[in-house]
C-alpha cells in the first residue's frame, strides 16, 4: 500500500508533493487527493477507491455504481430518505460495532464542476470508545450513482475534513 504522506526516501527532499489525481476508468469520475501523513490507499478498483488513516481511525470511500431502473430525482424527499437508510446499511457493513446513528444535517448541493445536483448528509455515530462524525455526498446522473463517504473521530473531524475530505470533495467531478 503506498503511503500518501510523501515521506522522503534517501534522495528526496521533505517538501510536500503536489496533489495526486485519481481517475476511475469505468465510471469516469476524477478527483485530486492531497498527500497527507498517515493516509493510505487501502484499495482501489471495482468502481472506487478507499483511503484509511489508521493513526486516527478515519476513513474515506469514493465510488460509483450503476443504477437499475428509473433514475430518481435526488432532491425528492423519498429518495433522500432512502439515501439516508443506505448510509446506515453501508456503515453497518463497514463496521458492525457502530451504534446510535443520528443525522445532524442534510442539504441539497450542486457539483461546482458540472452543475449536477447532489445531496449531502452529516451524521454522528458511536464506535466502541469514541464518538464519530461523518459525511456522505451523493450525485445521481445517467444511471450512475456517485458517492463520497468520509468519517473520523469527532475530536478530529474538522481537521480531517479541512485537510483531506474537502480537497477531494471540491475537486470531484464526473463525465456529463
N, C-alpha and C. Protein backbone atom coordinates (compact mmCIF):
# COMPACT_ATOMS: atom_id res chain seq x y z
N UNK A 1 0.84 -1.17 0.00
CA UNK A 1 0.00 0.00 0.00
C UNK A 1 0.89 1.24 0.00
N UNK A 2 0.70 2.14 -0.94
CA UNK A 2 1.53 3.34 -0.96
C UNK A 2 1.18 4.27 0.19
N UNK A 3 2.19 4.92 0.72
CA UNK A 3 1.98 5.91 1.77
C UNK A 3 1.74 7.25 1.10
N UNK A 4 0.67 7.92 1.46
CA UNK A 4 0.34 9.20 0.85
C UNK A 4 1.02 10.36 1.53
N UNK A 5 1.83 10.07 2.50
CA UNK A 5 2.44 11.14 3.29
C UNK A 5 3.51 11.88 2.52
N UNK A 6 4.02 11.29 1.46
CA UNK A 6 5.12 11.92 0.76
C UNK A 6 6.39 11.87 1.57
N UNK A 7 6.53 10.85 2.43
CA UNK A 7 7.73 10.73 3.25
C UNK A 7 8.95 10.59 2.35
N UNK A 8 10.03 11.29 2.66
CA UNK A 8 11.20 11.26 1.79
C UNK A 8 11.92 9.92 1.84
N UNK A 9 12.48 9.54 0.70
CA UNK A 9 13.38 8.40 0.67
C UNK A 9 14.79 8.99 0.72
N UNK A 10 15.81 8.19 0.47
CA UNK A 10 17.19 8.65 0.62
C UNK A 10 17.51 9.91 -0.19
N UNK A 11 17.01 10.02 -1.41
CA UNK A 11 17.39 11.13 -2.28
C UNK A 11 16.30 12.18 -2.45
N UNK A 12 15.21 12.10 -1.71
CA UNK A 12 14.12 13.05 -1.87
C UNK A 12 14.18 14.12 -0.78
N UNK A 13 13.69 15.30 -1.14
CA UNK A 13 13.56 16.37 -0.15
C UNK A 13 12.29 16.13 0.64
N UNK A 14 12.14 16.82 1.76
CA UNK A 14 10.96 16.64 2.60
C UNK A 14 9.82 17.56 2.22
N UNK A 15 9.94 18.33 1.13
CA UNK A 15 8.85 19.20 0.68
C UNK A 15 7.65 18.35 0.29
N UNK A 16 6.44 18.80 0.67
CA UNK A 16 5.26 18.01 0.27
C UNK A 16 5.09 18.04 -1.24
N UNK A 17 4.68 16.92 -1.78
CA UNK A 17 4.47 16.80 -3.21
C UNK A 17 3.12 17.41 -3.59
N UNK A 18 2.97 17.66 -4.88
CA UNK A 18 1.70 18.17 -5.40
C UNK A 18 0.63 17.11 -5.22
N UNK A 19 -0.63 17.53 -5.19
CA UNK A 19 -1.71 16.55 -5.04
C UNK A 19 -1.68 15.53 -6.18
N UNK A 20 -2.15 14.34 -5.89
CA UNK A 20 -2.25 13.28 -6.89
C UNK A 20 -3.64 13.31 -7.49
N UNK A 21 -3.76 12.88 -8.71
CA UNK A 21 -5.06 12.79 -9.38
C UNK A 21 -5.43 11.32 -9.51
N UNK A 22 -6.69 11.03 -9.21
CA UNK A 22 -7.22 9.68 -9.39
C UNK A 22 -8.37 9.75 -10.38
N UNK A 23 -8.34 8.89 -11.39
CA UNK A 23 -9.43 8.78 -12.35
C UNK A 23 -9.90 7.34 -12.36
N UNK A 24 -11.19 7.16 -12.16
CA UNK A 24 -11.79 5.83 -12.18
C UNK A 24 -12.22 5.55 -13.62
N UNK A 25 -11.63 4.55 -14.27
CA UNK A 25 -11.86 4.36 -15.70
C UNK A 25 -13.25 3.88 -16.08
N UNK A 26 -13.90 3.09 -15.27
CA UNK A 26 -15.20 2.54 -15.63
C UNK A 26 -16.29 3.60 -15.61
N UNK A 27 -16.34 4.41 -14.56
CA UNK A 27 -17.41 5.38 -14.38
C UNK A 27 -17.00 6.81 -14.69
N UNK A 28 -15.73 7.04 -14.96
CA UNK A 28 -15.27 8.34 -15.42
C UNK A 28 -15.25 9.46 -14.41
N UNK A 29 -15.20 9.14 -13.12
CA UNK A 29 -15.05 10.24 -12.16
C UNK A 29 -13.58 10.47 -11.89
N UNK A 30 -13.28 11.69 -11.47
CA UNK A 30 -11.91 12.06 -11.18
C UNK A 30 -11.87 13.04 -10.01
N UNK A 31 -10.76 13.04 -9.30
CA UNK A 31 -10.56 14.00 -8.21
C UNK A 31 -9.09 14.05 -7.88
N UNK A 32 -8.70 15.06 -7.15
CA UNK A 32 -7.33 15.16 -6.64
C UNK A 32 -7.36 14.84 -5.16
N UNK A 33 -6.31 14.17 -4.70
CA UNK A 33 -6.20 13.93 -3.26
C UNK A 33 -4.85 14.44 -2.77
N UNK A 34 -4.85 15.05 -1.61
CA UNK A 34 -3.60 15.59 -1.07
C UNK A 34 -2.73 14.47 -0.50
N UNK A 35 -1.46 14.70 -0.51
CA UNK A 35 -0.53 13.77 0.12
C UNK A 35 -0.42 14.18 1.58
N UNK A 36 -1.12 13.47 2.43
CA UNK A 36 -1.21 13.81 3.84
C UNK A 36 -0.69 12.64 4.66
N UNK A 37 0.12 12.96 5.63
CA UNK A 37 0.70 11.94 6.50
C UNK A 37 -0.37 11.04 7.11
N UNK A 38 -0.11 9.76 7.17
CA UNK A 38 -0.94 8.72 7.76
C UNK A 38 -2.09 8.25 6.87
N UNK A 39 -2.39 8.94 5.76
CA UNK A 39 -3.46 8.48 4.87
C UNK A 39 -2.86 7.53 3.83
N UNK A 40 -3.46 6.36 3.70
CA UNK A 40 -3.01 5.38 2.71
C UNK A 40 -4.18 4.90 1.87
N UNK A 41 -3.86 4.44 0.68
CA UNK A 41 -4.88 3.82 -0.16
C UNK A 41 -5.03 2.40 0.32
N UNK A 42 -6.22 2.04 0.71
CA UNK A 42 -6.49 0.70 1.24
C UNK A 42 -6.97 -0.23 0.13
N UNK A 43 -7.55 0.32 -0.91
CA UNK A 43 -7.99 -0.49 -2.03
C UNK A 43 -8.52 0.38 -3.14
N UNK A 44 -8.34 -0.08 -4.36
CA UNK A 44 -8.96 0.59 -5.48
C UNK A 44 -9.39 -0.43 -6.50
N UNK A 45 -10.34 -0.03 -7.30
CA UNK A 45 -10.93 -0.93 -8.28
C UNK A 45 -12.38 -1.18 -7.93
N UNK A 46 -13.08 -1.84 -8.82
CA UNK A 46 -14.48 -2.13 -8.57
C UNK A 46 -15.34 -0.88 -8.52
N UNK A 47 -14.91 0.19 -9.19
CA UNK A 47 -15.70 1.41 -9.22
C UNK A 47 -15.37 2.41 -8.13
N UNK A 48 -14.28 2.19 -7.39
CA UNK A 48 -13.98 3.14 -6.33
C UNK A 48 -12.60 3.02 -5.75
N UNK A 49 -12.36 3.85 -4.76
CA UNK A 49 -11.08 3.87 -4.05
C UNK A 49 -11.36 4.14 -2.58
N UNK A 50 -10.60 3.48 -1.71
CA UNK A 50 -10.75 3.66 -0.26
C UNK A 50 -9.45 4.23 0.30
N UNK A 51 -9.61 5.20 1.17
CA UNK A 51 -8.50 5.79 1.89
C UNK A 51 -8.70 5.52 3.38
N UNK A 52 -7.62 5.23 4.09
CA UNK A 52 -7.70 4.98 5.52
C UNK A 52 -6.56 5.72 6.23
N UNK A 53 -6.89 6.32 7.36
CA UNK A 53 -5.90 6.90 8.24
C UNK A 53 -5.92 6.03 9.50
N UNK A 54 -5.05 5.04 9.54
CA UNK A 54 -5.02 4.10 10.68
C UNK A 54 -4.66 4.80 11.98
N UNK A 55 -3.85 5.83 11.89
CA UNK A 55 -3.41 6.55 13.08
C UNK A 55 -4.58 7.17 13.83
N UNK A 56 -5.53 7.77 13.07
CA UNK A 56 -6.68 8.43 13.69
C UNK A 56 -7.98 7.62 13.55
N UNK A 57 -7.94 6.53 12.79
CA UNK A 57 -9.15 5.75 12.60
C UNK A 57 -10.15 6.42 11.67
N UNK A 58 -9.67 7.20 10.73
CA UNK A 58 -10.53 7.90 9.77
C UNK A 58 -10.61 7.08 8.48
N UNK A 59 -11.65 7.36 7.70
CA UNK A 59 -11.93 6.55 6.53
C UNK A 59 -12.59 7.41 5.46
N UNK A 60 -12.27 7.14 4.19
CA UNK A 60 -12.94 7.82 3.09
C UNK A 60 -13.09 6.85 1.93
N UNK A 61 -14.28 6.84 1.35
CA UNK A 61 -14.59 5.99 0.21
C UNK A 61 -15.18 6.88 -0.88
N UNK A 62 -14.64 6.77 -2.08
CA UNK A 62 -15.17 7.49 -3.24
C UNK A 62 -15.47 6.42 -4.27
N UNK A 63 -16.75 6.35 -4.68
CA UNK A 63 -17.12 5.25 -5.58
C UNK A 63 -18.30 5.61 -6.46
N UNK A 64 -18.55 4.76 -7.44
CA UNK A 64 -19.71 4.91 -8.32
C UNK A 64 -20.28 3.52 -8.57
N UNK A 65 -21.56 3.49 -8.88
CA UNK A 65 -22.21 2.22 -9.20
C UNK A 65 -23.36 2.46 -10.16
N UNK A 66 -23.62 1.46 -10.96
CA UNK A 66 -24.72 1.52 -11.92
C UNK A 66 -26.05 1.39 -11.20
N UNK A 67 -27.02 2.16 -11.63
CA UNK A 67 -28.36 2.10 -11.06
C UNK A 67 -29.26 1.38 -12.05
N UNK A 68 -30.03 0.44 -11.56
CA UNK A 68 -31.01 -0.22 -12.42
C UNK A 68 -32.33 0.53 -12.37
N UNK A 69 -33.06 0.53 -13.43
CA UNK A 69 -34.38 1.16 -13.41
C UNK A 69 -34.33 2.65 -13.67
N UNK A 70 -35.35 3.33 -13.19
CA UNK A 70 -35.52 4.76 -13.43
C UNK A 70 -34.56 5.55 -12.55
N UNK A 71 -33.94 6.58 -13.13
CA UNK A 71 -33.08 7.46 -12.36
C UNK A 71 -33.96 8.38 -11.54
N UNK A 72 -33.72 8.35 -10.24
CA UNK A 72 -34.53 9.13 -9.30
C UNK A 72 -34.05 10.58 -9.24
N UNK A 73 -34.96 11.48 -8.87
CA UNK A 73 -34.62 12.87 -8.60
C UNK A 73 -34.01 12.93 -7.21
N UNK A 74 -32.76 13.26 -7.12
CA UNK A 74 -32.06 13.23 -5.84
C UNK A 74 -32.61 14.25 -4.85
N UNK A 75 -33.36 15.23 -5.31
CA UNK A 75 -33.94 16.21 -4.41
C UNK A 75 -35.35 15.83 -3.95
N UNK A 76 -35.81 14.65 -4.36
CA UNK A 76 -37.10 14.13 -3.90
C UNK A 76 -36.91 13.61 -2.47
N UNK A 77 -37.79 13.99 -1.55
CA UNK A 77 -37.66 13.61 -0.15
C UNK A 77 -37.63 12.09 0.04
N UNK A 78 -38.44 11.34 -0.71
CA UNK A 78 -38.44 9.87 -0.60
C UNK A 78 -37.07 9.31 -0.99
N UNK A 79 -36.48 9.83 -2.05
CA UNK A 79 -35.15 9.39 -2.48
C UNK A 79 -34.13 9.72 -1.40
N UNK A 80 -34.22 10.90 -0.81
CA UNK A 80 -33.28 11.29 0.23
C UNK A 80 -33.39 10.40 1.46
N UNK A 81 -34.60 10.03 1.83
CA UNK A 81 -34.78 9.11 2.96
C UNK A 81 -34.12 7.77 2.64
N UNK A 82 -34.28 7.28 1.41
CA UNK A 82 -33.63 6.03 1.01
C UNK A 82 -32.11 6.15 1.04
N UNK A 83 -31.57 7.31 0.65
CA UNK A 83 -30.13 7.52 0.70
C UNK A 83 -29.63 7.48 2.14
N UNK A 84 -30.38 8.09 3.05
CA UNK A 84 -30.00 8.07 4.47
C UNK A 84 -30.02 6.64 5.00
N UNK A 85 -31.04 5.86 4.65
CA UNK A 85 -31.09 4.45 5.06
C UNK A 85 -29.89 3.69 4.49
N UNK A 86 -29.50 4.04 3.27
CA UNK A 86 -28.33 3.41 2.65
C UNK A 86 -27.04 3.71 3.38
N UNK A 87 -26.92 4.92 3.93
CA UNK A 87 -25.73 5.28 4.71
C UNK A 87 -25.63 4.37 5.93
N UNK A 88 -26.74 4.18 6.63
CA UNK A 88 -26.74 3.32 7.82
C UNK A 88 -26.32 1.90 7.44
N UNK A 89 -26.89 1.36 6.36
CA UNK A 89 -26.54 0.00 5.93
C UNK A 89 -25.06 -0.10 5.57
N UNK A 90 -24.56 0.91 4.85
CA UNK A 90 -23.14 0.91 4.45
C UNK A 90 -22.25 0.94 5.67
N UNK A 91 -22.56 1.80 6.63
CA UNK A 91 -21.73 1.91 7.83
C UNK A 91 -21.77 0.61 8.63
N UNK A 92 -22.92 -0.03 8.70
CA UNK A 92 -23.02 -1.31 9.42
C UNK A 92 -22.19 -2.38 8.72
N UNK A 93 -22.12 -2.32 7.38
CA UNK A 93 -21.30 -3.28 6.64
C UNK A 93 -19.82 -3.04 6.90
N UNK A 94 -19.43 -1.76 6.95
CA UNK A 94 -18.02 -1.41 7.19
C UNK A 94 -17.59 -1.82 8.59
N UNK A 95 -18.42 -1.52 9.58
CA UNK A 95 -18.08 -1.83 10.97
C UNK A 95 -19.34 -2.21 11.73
N UNK A 96 -19.47 -3.48 12.01
CA UNK A 96 -20.68 -4.00 12.66
C UNK A 96 -20.87 -3.46 14.08
N UNK A 97 -19.84 -2.85 14.67
CA UNK A 97 -19.95 -2.36 16.04
C UNK A 97 -20.50 -0.93 16.11
N UNK A 98 -20.77 -0.30 14.96
CA UNK A 98 -21.30 1.07 15.01
C UNK A 98 -22.70 1.07 15.61
N UNK A 99 -23.00 2.11 16.35
CA UNK A 99 -24.30 2.18 17.03
C UNK A 99 -24.75 3.63 17.15
N UNK A 100 -26.01 3.80 17.54
CA UNK A 100 -26.57 5.12 17.84
C UNK A 100 -26.39 6.13 16.71
N UNK A 101 -26.86 5.78 15.54
CA UNK A 101 -26.81 6.73 14.42
C UNK A 101 -27.73 7.90 14.66
N UNK A 102 -27.21 9.10 14.41
CA UNK A 102 -28.00 10.32 14.47
C UNK A 102 -27.59 11.17 13.28
N UNK A 103 -28.59 11.73 12.63
CA UNK A 103 -28.29 12.58 11.48
C UNK A 103 -28.31 14.03 11.90
N UNK A 104 -27.18 14.72 11.64
CA UNK A 104 -27.03 16.09 12.08
C UNK A 104 -27.62 17.10 11.14
N UNK A 105 -27.43 16.92 9.83
CA UNK A 105 -27.97 17.86 8.86
C UNK A 105 -28.00 17.22 7.49
N UNK A 106 -28.80 17.79 6.63
CA UNK A 106 -28.88 17.35 5.24
C UNK A 106 -29.12 18.58 4.39
N UNK A 107 -28.50 18.61 3.23
CA UNK A 107 -28.71 19.75 2.34
C UNK A 107 -28.53 19.34 0.89
N UNK A 108 -29.27 20.02 0.02
CA UNK A 108 -29.11 19.85 -1.40
C UNK A 108 -27.89 20.64 -1.83
N UNK A 109 -27.10 20.07 -2.74
CA UNK A 109 -25.89 20.73 -3.21
C UNK A 109 -25.83 20.61 -4.73
N UNK A 110 -24.88 21.32 -5.33
CA UNK A 110 -24.63 21.24 -6.76
C UNK A 110 -23.13 21.09 -6.95
N UNK A 111 -22.72 20.12 -7.77
CA UNK A 111 -21.31 19.94 -8.08
C UNK A 111 -20.83 21.15 -8.87
N UNK A 112 -19.81 21.83 -8.37
CA UNK A 112 -19.36 23.08 -8.99
C UNK A 112 -18.72 22.87 -10.36
N UNK A 113 -18.24 21.68 -10.66
CA UNK A 113 -17.55 21.44 -11.93
C UNK A 113 -18.50 21.14 -13.08
N UNK A 114 -19.61 20.47 -12.81
CA UNK A 114 -20.51 20.12 -13.91
C UNK A 114 -21.98 20.42 -13.63
N UNK A 115 -22.25 21.13 -12.54
CA UNK A 115 -23.59 21.63 -12.20
C UNK A 115 -24.64 20.53 -11.99
N UNK A 116 -24.23 19.34 -11.61
CA UNK A 116 -25.15 18.25 -11.32
C UNK A 116 -25.59 18.35 -9.86
N UNK A 117 -26.90 18.18 -9.64
CA UNK A 117 -27.45 18.26 -8.28
C UNK A 117 -27.03 17.06 -7.46
N UNK A 118 -26.84 17.30 -6.17
CA UNK A 118 -26.47 16.25 -5.24
C UNK A 118 -27.13 16.46 -3.89
N UNK A 119 -26.73 15.60 -2.95
CA UNK A 119 -27.32 15.60 -1.61
C UNK A 119 -26.20 15.30 -0.62
N UNK A 120 -26.07 16.14 0.43
CA UNK A 120 -25.02 15.95 1.44
C UNK A 120 -25.67 15.74 2.80
N UNK A 121 -25.19 14.73 3.52
CA UNK A 121 -25.69 14.41 4.85
C UNK A 121 -24.52 14.39 5.82
N UNK A 122 -24.70 15.01 6.97
CA UNK A 122 -23.73 14.91 8.08
C UNK A 122 -24.38 14.00 9.12
N UNK A 123 -23.63 13.05 9.64
CA UNK A 123 -24.19 12.11 10.60
C UNK A 123 -23.21 11.85 11.74
N UNK A 124 -23.74 11.32 12.83
CA UNK A 124 -22.96 11.00 14.03
C UNK A 124 -23.26 9.55 14.39
N UNK A 125 -22.26 8.87 14.93
CA UNK A 125 -22.46 7.51 15.42
C UNK A 125 -21.38 7.20 16.44
N UNK A 126 -21.56 6.10 17.12
CA UNK A 126 -20.58 5.69 18.13
C UNK A 126 -19.89 4.41 17.70
N UNK A 127 -18.59 4.39 17.87
CA UNK A 127 -17.79 3.18 17.78
C UNK A 127 -17.39 2.86 19.21
N UNK A 128 -16.97 1.66 19.48
CA UNK A 128 -16.55 1.37 20.85
C UNK A 128 -15.49 2.38 21.34
N UNK A 129 -15.86 3.14 22.35
CA UNK A 129 -14.93 4.08 22.95
C UNK A 129 -14.81 5.45 22.32
N UNK A 130 -15.51 5.73 21.21
CA UNK A 130 -15.40 7.07 20.63
C UNK A 130 -16.64 7.49 19.86
N UNK A 131 -16.81 8.81 19.84
CA UNK A 131 -17.88 9.41 19.05
C UNK A 131 -17.31 9.74 17.68
N UNK A 132 -18.09 9.49 16.64
CA UNK A 132 -17.64 9.70 15.27
C UNK A 132 -18.57 10.68 14.56
N UNK A 133 -18.02 11.40 13.60
CA UNK A 133 -18.80 12.26 12.71
C UNK A 133 -18.45 11.85 11.28
N UNK A 134 -19.46 11.85 10.44
CA UNK A 134 -19.23 11.51 9.05
C UNK A 134 -20.04 12.39 8.12
N UNK A 135 -19.68 12.32 6.86
CA UNK A 135 -20.48 12.99 5.85
C UNK A 135 -20.56 12.11 4.62
N UNK A 136 -21.69 12.22 3.96
CA UNK A 136 -21.92 11.46 2.75
C UNK A 136 -22.47 12.40 1.70
N UNK A 137 -21.88 12.35 0.50
CA UNK A 137 -22.33 13.15 -0.62
C UNK A 137 -22.69 12.19 -1.74
N UNK A 138 -23.85 12.40 -2.34
CA UNK A 138 -24.31 11.54 -3.43
C UNK A 138 -24.78 12.39 -4.61
N UNK A 139 -24.36 11.98 -5.79
CA UNK A 139 -24.85 12.54 -7.04
C UNK A 139 -25.42 11.38 -7.85
N UNK A 140 -26.48 11.63 -8.59
CA UNK A 140 -27.02 10.62 -9.50
C UNK A 140 -27.12 11.27 -10.87
N UNK A 141 -26.51 10.60 -11.86
CA UNK A 141 -26.53 11.13 -13.22
C UNK A 141 -26.45 9.98 -14.22
N UNK A 142 -27.39 9.96 -15.15
CA UNK A 142 -27.41 8.97 -16.24
C UNK A 142 -27.17 7.55 -15.76
N UNK A 143 -28.04 7.06 -14.89
CA UNK A 143 -27.99 5.68 -14.41
C UNK A 143 -26.76 5.36 -13.55
N UNK A 144 -26.03 6.37 -13.11
CA UNK A 144 -24.85 6.14 -12.26
C UNK A 144 -25.00 6.94 -10.98
N UNK A 145 -24.71 6.29 -9.88
CA UNK A 145 -24.71 6.93 -8.57
C UNK A 145 -23.26 7.11 -8.14
N UNK A 146 -22.90 8.34 -7.80
CA UNK A 146 -21.56 8.69 -7.34
C UNK A 146 -21.64 9.01 -5.85
N UNK A 147 -20.79 8.37 -5.05
CA UNK A 147 -20.82 8.55 -3.61
C UNK A 147 -19.45 8.93 -3.07
N UNK A 148 -19.47 9.85 -2.11
CA UNK A 148 -18.29 10.20 -1.34
C UNK A 148 -18.70 10.05 0.12
N UNK A 149 -18.05 9.14 0.82
CA UNK A 149 -18.37 8.85 2.22
C UNK A 149 -17.10 9.02 3.03
N UNK A 150 -17.17 9.80 4.11
CA UNK A 150 -16.00 10.03 4.95
C UNK A 150 -16.42 10.12 6.40
N UNK A 151 -15.56 9.61 7.28
CA UNK A 151 -15.83 9.79 8.71
C UNK A 151 -14.54 9.79 9.51
N UNK A 152 -14.63 10.39 10.69
CA UNK A 152 -13.48 10.49 11.59
C UNK A 152 -14.00 10.66 13.01
N UNK A 153 -13.12 10.47 13.98
CA UNK A 153 -13.48 10.73 15.38
C UNK A 153 -13.92 12.18 15.49
N UNK A 154 -14.94 12.43 16.29
CA UNK A 154 -15.50 13.78 16.44
C UNK A 154 -14.41 14.79 16.80
N UNK A 155 -13.44 14.39 17.61
CA UNK A 155 -12.38 15.30 18.02
C UNK A 155 -11.44 15.67 16.88
N UNK A 156 -11.43 14.86 15.81
CA UNK A 156 -10.52 15.11 14.68
C UNK A 156 -11.25 15.46 13.39
N UNK A 157 -12.58 15.40 13.40
CA UNK A 157 -13.32 15.53 12.15
C UNK A 157 -13.06 16.85 11.43
N UNK A 158 -13.12 17.97 12.14
CA UNK A 158 -12.93 19.26 11.48
C UNK A 158 -11.56 19.35 10.80
N UNK A 159 -10.52 18.87 11.47
CA UNK A 159 -9.19 18.89 10.87
C UNK A 159 -9.12 17.96 9.68
N UNK A 160 -9.62 16.74 9.83
CA UNK A 160 -9.59 15.78 8.72
C UNK A 160 -10.41 16.30 7.54
N UNK A 161 -11.53 16.94 7.83
CA UNK A 161 -12.38 17.49 6.78
C UNK A 161 -11.62 18.56 6.01
N UNK A 162 -10.99 19.46 6.72
CA UNK A 162 -10.27 20.57 6.08
C UNK A 162 -9.05 20.08 5.29
N UNK A 163 -8.30 19.17 5.86
CA UNK A 163 -7.03 18.74 5.28
C UNK A 163 -7.20 17.66 4.20
N UNK A 164 -8.16 16.76 4.36
CA UNK A 164 -8.26 15.63 3.43
C UNK A 164 -9.61 15.52 2.74
N UNK A 165 -10.71 15.51 3.48
CA UNK A 165 -12.02 15.27 2.89
C UNK A 165 -12.43 16.38 1.91
N UNK A 166 -12.35 17.64 2.34
CA UNK A 166 -12.81 18.75 1.50
C UNK A 166 -12.02 18.90 0.20
N UNK A 167 -10.68 18.79 0.21
CA UNK A 167 -9.98 18.88 -1.07
C UNK A 167 -10.45 17.84 -2.09
N UNK A 168 -10.75 16.65 -1.62
CA UNK A 168 -11.26 15.61 -2.53
C UNK A 168 -12.66 15.98 -2.99
N UNK A 169 -13.51 16.37 -2.06
CA UNK A 169 -14.89 16.73 -2.39
C UNK A 169 -14.94 17.90 -3.38
N UNK A 170 -14.13 18.90 -3.16
CA UNK A 170 -14.14 20.09 -4.03
C UNK A 170 -13.60 19.80 -5.43
N UNK A 171 -12.69 18.85 -5.56
CA UNK A 171 -12.13 18.56 -6.87
C UNK A 171 -12.89 17.45 -7.60
N UNK A 172 -13.83 16.79 -6.94
CA UNK A 172 -14.56 15.66 -7.51
C UNK A 172 -15.42 16.11 -8.69
N UNK A 173 -15.29 15.39 -9.80
CA UNK A 173 -16.12 15.64 -10.97
C UNK A 173 -16.30 14.33 -11.73
N UNK A 174 -17.25 14.33 -12.62
CA UNK A 174 -17.51 13.14 -13.44
C UNK A 174 -18.00 13.58 -14.81
N UNK A 175 -17.91 12.67 -15.76
CA UNK A 175 -18.29 12.96 -17.14
C UNK A 175 -19.78 13.20 -17.26
N UNK A 176 -20.14 14.25 -17.97
CA UNK A 176 -21.56 14.53 -18.21
C UNK A 176 -21.84 14.61 -19.70
